[in-house]
């Protein structure tokens, strides 16, 4: 997978594009994580005026970071503490495996996934490779 670098510019789709960042990863598995996170963000943004999903890539020391951020309603603290627990879901018809599986995939890549959320401000997931 190739990512981005220090010169940052946002394209018309809200994706921060940089040059020269690279990671060693299974692209199919990383696609699975990104699809899940973007799908979750889209669902969270239903009914939000001027909904935005921003995907960015950056480097922090020796780590490459991919961040998926939305300006939705945020995740309440009591839910936030459980979102990576297998089979935990608040969605009707949800399986509760998406974020748990995403965490496992990141661990297989010697990385991690973190979340920051504030009610009324949005949610940000960061993949660290």
N, C-alpha and C. Protein backbone atom coordinates (compact mmCIF):
# COMPACT_ATOMS: atom_id res chain seq x y z
N UNK A 1 0.85 -1.18 0.00
CA UNK A 1 0.00 0.00 0.00
C UNK A 1 0.88 1.23 0.00
N UNK A 2 0.50 2.19 -0.74
CA UNK A 2 1.20 3.47 -0.71
C UNK A 2 0.29 4.51 -0.12
N UNK A 3 0.85 5.43 0.61
CA UNK A 3 0.07 6.47 1.26
C UNK A 3 0.51 7.84 0.80
N UNK A 4 0.80 8.73 1.73
CA UNK A 4 1.05 10.12 1.41
C UNK A 4 2.17 10.74 2.23
N UNK A 5 2.53 12.04 2.03
CA UNK A 5 3.71 12.62 2.71
C UNK A 5 3.50 13.96 3.37
N UNK A 6 4.54 14.75 3.36
CA UNK A 6 4.56 16.00 4.09
C UNK A 6 3.85 17.14 3.36
N UNK A 7 3.77 17.10 2.02
CA UNK A 7 3.05 18.14 1.32
C UNK A 7 1.60 17.71 1.26
N UNK A 8 0.76 18.45 1.94
CA UNK A 8 -0.62 18.03 2.10
C UNK A 8 -1.54 18.92 1.29
N UNK A 9 -2.46 18.30 0.58
CA UNK A 9 -3.50 19.04 -0.11
C UNK A 9 -4.76 18.18 -0.12
N UNK A 10 -5.91 18.82 -0.03
CA UNK A 10 -7.15 18.06 -0.01
C UNK A 10 -7.71 18.02 -1.42
N UNK A 11 -8.08 16.81 -1.88
CA UNK A 11 -8.69 16.73 -3.20
C UNK A 11 -10.19 16.98 -3.09
N UNK A 12 -10.88 16.94 -4.24
CA UNK A 12 -12.30 17.27 -4.28
C UNK A 12 -13.18 16.30 -3.51
N UNK A 13 -12.66 15.14 -3.13
CA UNK A 13 -13.43 14.15 -2.39
C UNK A 13 -13.18 14.21 -0.88
N UNK A 14 -12.47 15.23 -0.41
CA UNK A 14 -12.22 15.36 1.02
C UNK A 14 -11.12 14.45 1.52
N UNK A 15 -10.23 14.02 0.63
CA UNK A 15 -9.13 13.14 1.03
C UNK A 15 -7.84 13.95 1.02
N UNK A 16 -7.19 14.01 2.18
CA UNK A 16 -5.89 14.67 2.27
C UNK A 16 -4.89 13.77 1.57
N UNK A 17 -4.28 14.29 0.52
CA UNK A 17 -3.34 13.48 -0.24
C UNK A 17 -1.94 14.02 -0.05
N UNK A 18 -1.04 13.15 0.35
CA UNK A 18 0.36 13.51 0.51
C UNK A 18 1.18 12.54 -0.34
N UNK A 19 2.44 12.80 -0.47
CA UNK A 19 3.31 11.96 -1.28
C UNK A 19 4.32 11.23 -0.39
N UNK A 20 4.80 10.09 -0.86
CA UNK A 20 5.97 9.42 -0.31
C UNK A 20 5.81 8.68 1.02
N UNK A 21 4.61 8.39 1.46
CA UNK A 21 4.44 7.52 2.63
C UNK A 21 4.15 6.12 2.14
N UNK A 22 4.81 5.15 2.73
CA UNK A 22 4.57 3.77 2.35
C UNK A 22 4.41 2.91 3.59
N UNK A 23 3.56 1.89 3.46
CA UNK A 23 3.41 0.89 4.52
C UNK A 23 3.49 -0.49 3.89
N UNK A 24 3.90 -1.45 4.67
CA UNK A 24 3.88 -2.84 4.26
C UNK A 24 2.63 -3.44 4.88
N UNK A 25 1.64 -3.77 4.03
CA UNK A 25 0.37 -4.26 4.55
C UNK A 25 -0.35 -5.04 3.47
N UNK A 26 -1.28 -5.87 3.91
CA UNK A 26 -2.15 -6.60 2.99
C UNK A 26 -3.23 -5.62 2.53
N UNK A 27 -3.22 -5.22 1.27
CA UNK A 27 -4.17 -4.19 0.83
C UNK A 27 -5.63 -4.62 0.98
N UNK A 28 -5.93 -5.89 0.81
CA UNK A 28 -7.31 -6.35 0.95
C UNK A 28 -7.80 -6.20 2.39
N UNK A 29 -6.95 -6.53 3.35
CA UNK A 29 -7.34 -6.41 4.75
C UNK A 29 -7.47 -4.95 5.17
N UNK A 30 -6.56 -4.11 4.69
CA UNK A 30 -6.64 -2.68 5.02
C UNK A 30 -7.87 -2.06 4.36
N UNK A 31 -8.16 -2.48 3.13
CA UNK A 31 -9.40 -2.03 2.48
C UNK A 31 -10.61 -2.38 3.32
N UNK A 32 -10.61 -3.58 3.89
CA UNK A 32 -11.73 -4.02 4.72
C UNK A 32 -11.93 -3.07 5.92
N UNK A 33 -10.83 -2.68 6.55
CA UNK A 33 -10.91 -1.74 7.67
C UNK A 33 -11.45 -0.40 7.20
N UNK A 34 -10.88 0.12 6.12
CA UNK A 34 -11.29 1.45 5.64
C UNK A 34 -12.75 1.47 5.21
N UNK A 35 -13.18 0.42 4.53
CA UNK A 35 -14.59 0.33 4.11
C UNK A 35 -15.49 0.33 5.34
N UNK A 36 -15.13 -0.44 6.36
CA UNK A 36 -15.93 -0.50 7.58
C UNK A 36 -15.99 0.87 8.26
N UNK A 37 -14.85 1.55 8.38
CA UNK A 37 -14.83 2.84 9.07
C UNK A 37 -15.60 3.91 8.30
N UNK A 38 -15.46 3.93 6.98
CA UNK A 38 -16.19 4.91 6.18
C UNK A 38 -17.69 4.61 6.21
N UNK A 39 -18.05 3.34 6.14
CA UNK A 39 -19.46 2.95 6.21
C UNK A 39 -20.05 3.38 7.56
N UNK A 40 -19.33 3.12 8.64
CA UNK A 40 -19.80 3.54 9.96
C UNK A 40 -19.98 5.06 10.02
N UNK A 41 -19.01 5.79 9.46
CA UNK A 41 -19.09 7.25 9.46
C UNK A 41 -20.30 7.73 8.66
N UNK A 42 -20.53 7.12 7.51
CA UNK A 42 -21.68 7.50 6.68
C UNK A 42 -22.99 7.28 7.44
N UNK A 43 -23.08 6.16 8.14
CA UNK A 43 -24.29 5.86 8.92
C UNK A 43 -24.45 6.87 10.06
N UNK A 44 -23.34 7.25 10.68
CA UNK A 44 -23.40 8.21 11.78
C UNK A 44 -23.80 9.61 11.31
N UNK A 45 -23.52 9.91 10.05
CA UNK A 45 -23.77 11.25 9.51
C UNK A 45 -25.17 11.46 8.96
N UNK A 46 -25.98 10.40 8.93
CA UNK A 46 -27.34 10.55 8.42
C UNK A 46 -28.04 11.65 9.23
N UNK A 47 -28.58 12.63 8.52
CA UNK A 47 -29.28 13.73 9.18
C UNK A 47 -28.39 14.88 9.60
N UNK A 48 -27.08 14.75 9.39
CA UNK A 48 -26.14 15.83 9.75
C UNK A 48 -26.03 16.81 8.59
N UNK A 49 -26.26 18.09 8.86
CA UNK A 49 -26.07 19.10 7.83
C UNK A 49 -24.58 19.28 7.56
N UNK A 50 -24.24 19.48 6.30
CA UNK A 50 -22.85 19.67 5.90
C UNK A 50 -21.96 18.55 6.43
N UNK A 51 -22.41 17.32 6.23
CA UNK A 51 -21.67 16.14 6.68
C UNK A 51 -20.33 16.05 5.96
N UNK A 52 -19.29 15.73 6.74
CA UNK A 52 -17.94 15.62 6.19
C UNK A 52 -17.28 14.36 6.73
N UNK A 53 -16.66 13.61 5.83
CA UNK A 53 -15.76 12.52 6.21
C UNK A 53 -14.41 12.88 5.62
N UNK A 54 -13.41 12.98 6.47
CA UNK A 54 -12.07 13.35 6.02
C UNK A 54 -11.13 12.17 6.26
N UNK A 55 -10.39 11.80 5.23
CA UNK A 55 -9.40 10.74 5.33
C UNK A 55 -8.04 11.38 5.11
N UNK A 56 -7.13 11.17 6.06
CA UNK A 56 -5.81 11.78 5.92
C UNK A 56 -4.72 10.77 6.26
N UNK A 57 -3.54 11.02 5.74
CA UNK A 57 -2.38 10.18 6.02
C UNK A 57 -1.25 11.10 6.44
N UNK A 58 -0.50 10.65 7.43
CA UNK A 58 0.63 11.45 7.92
C UNK A 58 1.68 10.53 8.51
N UNK A 59 2.80 11.11 8.87
CA UNK A 59 3.87 10.35 9.51
C UNK A 59 4.15 10.96 10.87
N UNK A 60 4.29 10.09 11.87
CA UNK A 60 4.62 10.50 13.23
C UNK A 60 5.83 9.67 13.65
N UNK A 61 7.00 10.28 13.64
CA UNK A 61 8.26 9.56 13.87
C UNK A 61 8.36 8.41 12.89
N UNK A 62 8.38 7.17 13.38
CA UNK A 62 8.53 6.02 12.48
C UNK A 62 7.20 5.35 12.17
N UNK A 63 6.08 5.98 12.52
CA UNK A 63 4.75 5.41 12.29
C UNK A 63 4.03 6.18 11.18
N UNK A 64 3.30 5.43 10.35
CA UNK A 64 2.41 6.05 9.37
C UNK A 64 1.01 5.98 9.96
N UNK A 65 0.30 7.11 9.91
CA UNK A 65 -1.03 7.20 10.49
C UNK A 65 -2.06 7.47 9.40
N UNK A 66 -3.13 6.69 9.40
CA UNK A 66 -4.28 6.94 8.54
C UNK A 66 -5.43 7.32 9.46
N UNK A 67 -6.05 8.45 9.21
CA UNK A 67 -7.12 8.92 10.08
C UNK A 67 -8.40 9.10 9.27
N UNK A 68 -9.50 8.58 9.81
CA UNK A 68 -10.82 8.73 9.22
C UNK A 68 -11.64 9.52 10.24
N UNK A 69 -12.05 10.72 9.86
CA UNK A 69 -12.71 11.62 10.81
C UNK A 69 -14.03 12.10 10.22
N UNK A 70 -15.05 12.15 11.08
CA UNK A 70 -16.34 12.69 10.64
C UNK A 70 -16.79 13.80 11.58
N UNK A 71 -17.77 14.57 11.15
CA UNK A 71 -18.31 15.64 11.98
C UNK A 71 -19.72 15.29 12.46
N UNK A 72 -19.94 14.01 12.71
CA UNK A 72 -21.24 13.53 13.15
C UNK A 72 -21.51 13.82 14.61
N UNK A 73 -22.48 13.10 15.17
CA UNK A 73 -22.91 13.36 16.55
C UNK A 73 -21.94 12.88 17.62
N UNK A 74 -20.94 12.11 17.24
CA UNK A 74 -20.01 11.57 18.23
C UNK A 74 -20.57 10.32 18.88
N UNK A 75 -19.75 9.67 19.68
CA UNK A 75 -20.13 8.42 20.34
C UNK A 75 -20.15 8.67 21.84
N UNK A 76 -21.26 8.39 22.50
CA UNK A 76 -21.32 8.57 23.96
C UNK A 76 -20.26 7.72 24.67
N UNK A 77 -19.74 8.23 25.78
CA UNK A 77 -18.68 7.55 26.53
C UNK A 77 -19.02 6.12 26.91
N UNK A 78 -20.27 5.87 27.33
CA UNK A 78 -20.65 4.53 27.76
C UNK A 78 -20.64 3.53 26.60
N UNK A 79 -20.81 4.02 25.39
CA UNK A 79 -20.72 3.16 24.20
C UNK A 79 -19.27 3.06 23.75
N UNK A 80 -18.56 4.18 23.80
CA UNK A 80 -17.18 4.25 23.33
C UNK A 80 -16.28 3.21 23.98
N UNK A 81 -16.48 2.96 25.27
CA UNK A 81 -15.62 2.02 25.98
C UNK A 81 -15.82 0.57 25.54
N UNK A 82 -16.88 0.29 24.77
CA UNK A 82 -17.17 -1.08 24.35
C UNK A 82 -17.08 -1.33 22.85
N UNK A 83 -16.76 -0.32 22.07
CA UNK A 83 -16.90 -0.49 20.61
C UNK A 83 -15.96 -1.52 19.99
N UNK A 84 -14.86 -1.85 20.66
CA UNK A 84 -13.95 -2.86 20.11
C UNK A 84 -14.23 -4.26 20.67
N UNK A 85 -15.22 -4.39 21.54
CA UNK A 85 -15.58 -5.68 22.12
C UNK A 85 -16.32 -6.50 21.06
N UNK A 86 -15.87 -7.75 20.82
CA UNK A 86 -16.55 -8.58 19.81
C UNK A 86 -18.04 -8.72 20.10
N UNK A 87 -18.85 -8.57 19.05
CA UNK A 87 -20.30 -8.74 19.06
C UNK A 87 -21.04 -7.62 19.78
N UNK A 88 -20.35 -6.58 20.22
CA UNK A 88 -21.03 -5.43 20.82
C UNK A 88 -21.52 -4.53 19.69
N UNK A 89 -22.79 -4.21 19.70
CA UNK A 89 -23.34 -3.31 18.69
C UNK A 89 -24.48 -2.50 19.27
N UNK A 90 -24.68 -1.33 18.71
CA UNK A 90 -25.83 -0.49 19.06
C UNK A 90 -26.73 -0.35 17.84
N UNK A 91 -26.34 -0.97 16.72
CA UNK A 91 -27.08 -0.85 15.47
C UNK A 91 -28.08 -1.99 15.35
N UNK A 92 -29.29 -1.66 14.92
CA UNK A 92 -30.27 -2.70 14.66
C UNK A 92 -29.77 -3.52 13.47
N UNK A 93 -29.66 -4.81 13.66
CA UNK A 93 -29.16 -5.68 12.60
C UNK A 93 -27.65 -5.70 12.49
N UNK A 94 -26.95 -5.02 13.39
CA UNK A 94 -25.49 -5.01 13.37
C UNK A 94 -24.93 -6.30 13.95
N UNK A 95 -23.74 -6.68 13.50
CA UNK A 95 -23.12 -7.92 13.99
C UNK A 95 -22.15 -7.68 15.14
N UNK A 96 -21.63 -6.46 15.23
CA UNK A 96 -20.67 -6.17 16.28
C UNK A 96 -19.29 -6.74 16.03
N UNK A 97 -19.01 -7.10 14.77
CA UNK A 97 -17.67 -7.66 14.50
C UNK A 97 -16.76 -6.70 13.73
N UNK A 98 -17.31 -5.64 13.14
CA UNK A 98 -16.52 -4.75 12.28
C UNK A 98 -15.32 -4.12 12.97
N UNK A 99 -15.53 -3.45 14.10
CA UNK A 99 -14.42 -2.78 14.78
C UNK A 99 -13.52 -3.77 15.49
N UNK A 100 -14.09 -4.85 16.01
CA UNK A 100 -13.28 -5.89 16.64
C UNK A 100 -12.34 -6.52 15.61
N UNK A 101 -12.88 -6.84 14.44
CA UNK A 101 -12.06 -7.40 13.37
C UNK A 101 -11.01 -6.40 12.89
N UNK A 102 -11.38 -5.12 12.83
CA UNK A 102 -10.43 -4.08 12.42
C UNK A 102 -9.25 -4.04 13.39
N UNK A 103 -9.54 -4.14 14.67
CA UNK A 103 -8.47 -4.15 15.68
C UNK A 103 -7.55 -5.37 15.48
N UNK A 104 -8.14 -6.53 15.21
CA UNK A 104 -7.34 -7.74 15.00
C UNK A 104 -6.46 -7.61 13.76
N UNK A 105 -7.01 -7.05 12.70
CA UNK A 105 -6.23 -6.86 11.47
C UNK A 105 -5.06 -5.92 11.74
N UNK A 106 -5.29 -4.85 12.48
CA UNK A 106 -4.21 -3.93 12.79
C UNK A 106 -3.15 -4.60 13.65
N UNK A 107 -3.55 -5.43 14.58
CA UNK A 107 -2.57 -6.17 15.40
C UNK A 107 -1.73 -7.11 14.54
N UNK A 108 -2.36 -7.74 13.54
CA UNK A 108 -1.61 -8.60 12.62
C UNK A 108 -0.55 -7.81 11.85
N UNK A 109 -0.80 -6.54 11.66
CA UNK A 109 0.14 -5.65 10.95
C UNK A 109 1.07 -4.92 11.91
N UNK A 110 1.13 -5.38 13.16
CA UNK A 110 1.99 -4.77 14.19
C UNK A 110 1.63 -3.30 14.41
N UNK A 111 0.35 -3.00 14.25
CA UNK A 111 -0.13 -1.64 14.45
C UNK A 111 -1.28 -1.62 15.43
N UNK A 112 -1.99 -0.49 15.44
CA UNK A 112 -3.16 -0.40 16.30
C UNK A 112 -4.18 0.55 15.71
N UNK A 113 -5.36 0.52 16.30
CA UNK A 113 -6.44 1.42 15.92
C UNK A 113 -6.92 2.10 17.19
N UNK A 114 -7.07 3.42 17.10
CA UNK A 114 -7.54 4.18 18.25
C UNK A 114 -8.73 5.04 17.81
N UNK A 115 -9.49 5.47 18.80
CA UNK A 115 -10.66 6.30 18.51
C UNK A 115 -10.69 7.49 19.47
N UNK A 116 -11.11 8.62 18.95
CA UNK A 116 -11.38 9.81 19.75
C UNK A 116 -12.75 10.30 19.32
N UNK A 117 -13.59 10.62 20.29
CA UNK A 117 -14.92 11.09 19.95
C UNK A 117 -15.41 12.06 21.00
N UNK A 118 -16.16 13.04 20.53
CA UNK A 118 -16.78 14.01 21.43
C UNK A 118 -18.22 14.19 20.97
N UNK A 119 -19.15 14.01 21.87
CA UNK A 119 -20.55 14.16 21.52
C UNK A 119 -20.81 15.54 20.95
N UNK A 120 -21.48 15.56 19.80
CA UNK A 120 -21.79 16.81 19.13
C UNK A 120 -20.68 17.35 18.26
N UNK A 121 -19.51 16.70 18.26
CA UNK A 121 -18.37 17.20 17.49
C UNK A 121 -17.86 16.22 16.44
N UNK A 122 -18.07 14.93 16.65
CA UNK A 122 -17.62 13.95 15.67
C UNK A 122 -16.70 12.90 16.25
N UNK A 123 -16.25 12.03 15.36
CA UNK A 123 -15.43 10.88 15.74
C UNK A 123 -14.26 10.75 14.79
N UNK A 124 -13.14 10.31 15.34
CA UNK A 124 -11.92 10.13 14.56
C UNK A 124 -11.30 8.78 14.92
N UNK A 125 -11.08 7.95 13.91
CA UNK A 125 -10.37 6.68 14.07
C UNK A 125 -9.01 6.83 13.43
N UNK A 126 -7.97 6.39 14.12
CA UNK A 126 -6.61 6.46 13.58
C UNK A 126 -6.01 5.07 13.52
N UNK A 127 -5.51 4.71 12.33
CA UNK A 127 -4.78 3.46 12.14
C UNK A 127 -3.31 3.81 12.18
N UNK A 128 -2.58 3.16 13.05
CA UNK A 128 -1.15 3.43 13.21
C UNK A 128 -0.36 2.21 12.76
N UNK A 129 0.49 2.40 11.74
CA UNK A 129 1.32 1.32 11.19
C UNK A 129 2.76 1.53 11.58
